[in-house]
């Protein structure tokens, strides 16, 4: 239950960052711009893949396997 709440808080924070960045583009980057700058380096691409695997394991594999 707490894990679900934390994922929803994370999703809400990402949504709030995106809305604020689109309202004032000169102040901060959108999530797409941030992701593009991170993915422009090899270390960033490795970290993005590791994050994708982490999220995949914790969201999909953990909650779809029979207990």
Protein backbone atom coordinates (compact mmCIF):
# COMPACT_ATOMS: atom_id res chain seq x y z
CA UNK A 1 0.00 0.00 0.00
CA UNK A 2 2.76 2.44 0.92
CA UNK A 3 4.64 1.53 -2.24
CA UNK A 4 1.60 2.43 -4.33
CA UNK A 5 1.30 5.78 -2.58
CA UNK A 6 4.99 6.52 -3.18
CA UNK A 7 4.66 5.72 -6.90
CA UNK A 8 1.64 8.03 -7.12
CA UNK A 9 3.57 10.80 -5.35
CA UNK A 10 6.46 10.32 -7.79
CA UNK A 11 4.07 10.46 -10.74
CA UNK A 12 2.44 13.60 -9.35
CA UNK A 13 5.82 15.27 -8.86
CA UNK A 14 6.80 14.49 -12.46
CA UNK A 15 3.52 15.88 -13.69
CA UNK A 16 3.94 19.05 -11.62
CA UNK A 17 7.50 19.56 -12.90
CA UNK A 18 6.32 19.14 -16.49
CA UNK A 19 3.44 21.61 -16.08
CA UNK A 20 5.65 24.21 -14.40
CA UNK A 21 8.35 23.83 -17.07
CA UNK A 22 5.82 24.31 -19.86
CA UNK A 23 4.31 27.38 -18.20
CA UNK A 24 7.71 29.12 -17.93
CA UNK A 25 10.14 27.53 -20.45
CA UNK A 26 12.97 29.96 -19.67
CA UNK A 27 13.07 28.90 -16.03
CA UNK A 28 13.46 25.11 -16.27
CA UNK A 29 13.66 22.25 -18.75
CA UNK A 30 10.82 19.86 -19.50
CA UNK A 31 11.26 16.19 -18.67
CA UNK A 32 11.83 15.44 -22.38
CA UNK A 33 14.61 18.03 -22.59
CA UNK A 34 16.17 16.71 -19.40
CA UNK A 35 16.00 13.13 -20.69
CA UNK A 36 17.58 14.17 -23.99
CA UNK A 37 20.47 15.86 -22.23
CA UNK A 38 21.03 12.82 -19.99
CA UNK A 39 20.82 10.42 -22.95
CA UNK A 40 23.40 12.39 -24.92
CA UNK A 41 26.19 10.82 -22.81
CA UNK A 42 27.11 7.16 -22.49
CA UNK A 43 26.90 7.18 -18.69
CA UNK A 44 23.48 8.78 -18.91
CA UNK A 45 22.22 6.09 -21.28
CA UNK A 46 23.49 3.36 -18.95
CA UNK A 47 21.75 5.03 -16.00
CA UNK A 48 18.51 5.37 -17.97
CA UNK A 49 18.56 1.65 -18.84
CA UNK A 50 19.29 0.76 -15.20
CA UNK A 51 16.41 2.97 -14.08
CA UNK A 52 14.11 1.39 -16.67
CA UNK A 53 15.04 -2.11 -15.43
CA UNK A 54 14.55 -1.07 -11.79
CA UNK A 55 11.12 0.36 -12.49
CA UNK A 56 10.16 -2.63 -14.61
CA UNK A 57 11.12 -5.11 -11.92
CA UNK A 58 9.41 -3.23 -9.14
CA UNK A 59 6.23 -2.33 -10.98
CA UNK A 60 5.56 -5.21 -13.31
CA UNK A 61 7.40 -8.33 -12.17
CA UNK A 62 6.78 -7.78 -8.47
CA UNK A 63 3.04 -7.27 -8.80
CA UNK A 64 2.29 -9.82 -11.53
CA UNK A 65 4.03 -12.88 -10.11
CA UNK A 66 1.82 -15.18 -8.02
CA UNK A 67 2.59 -15.07 -4.31
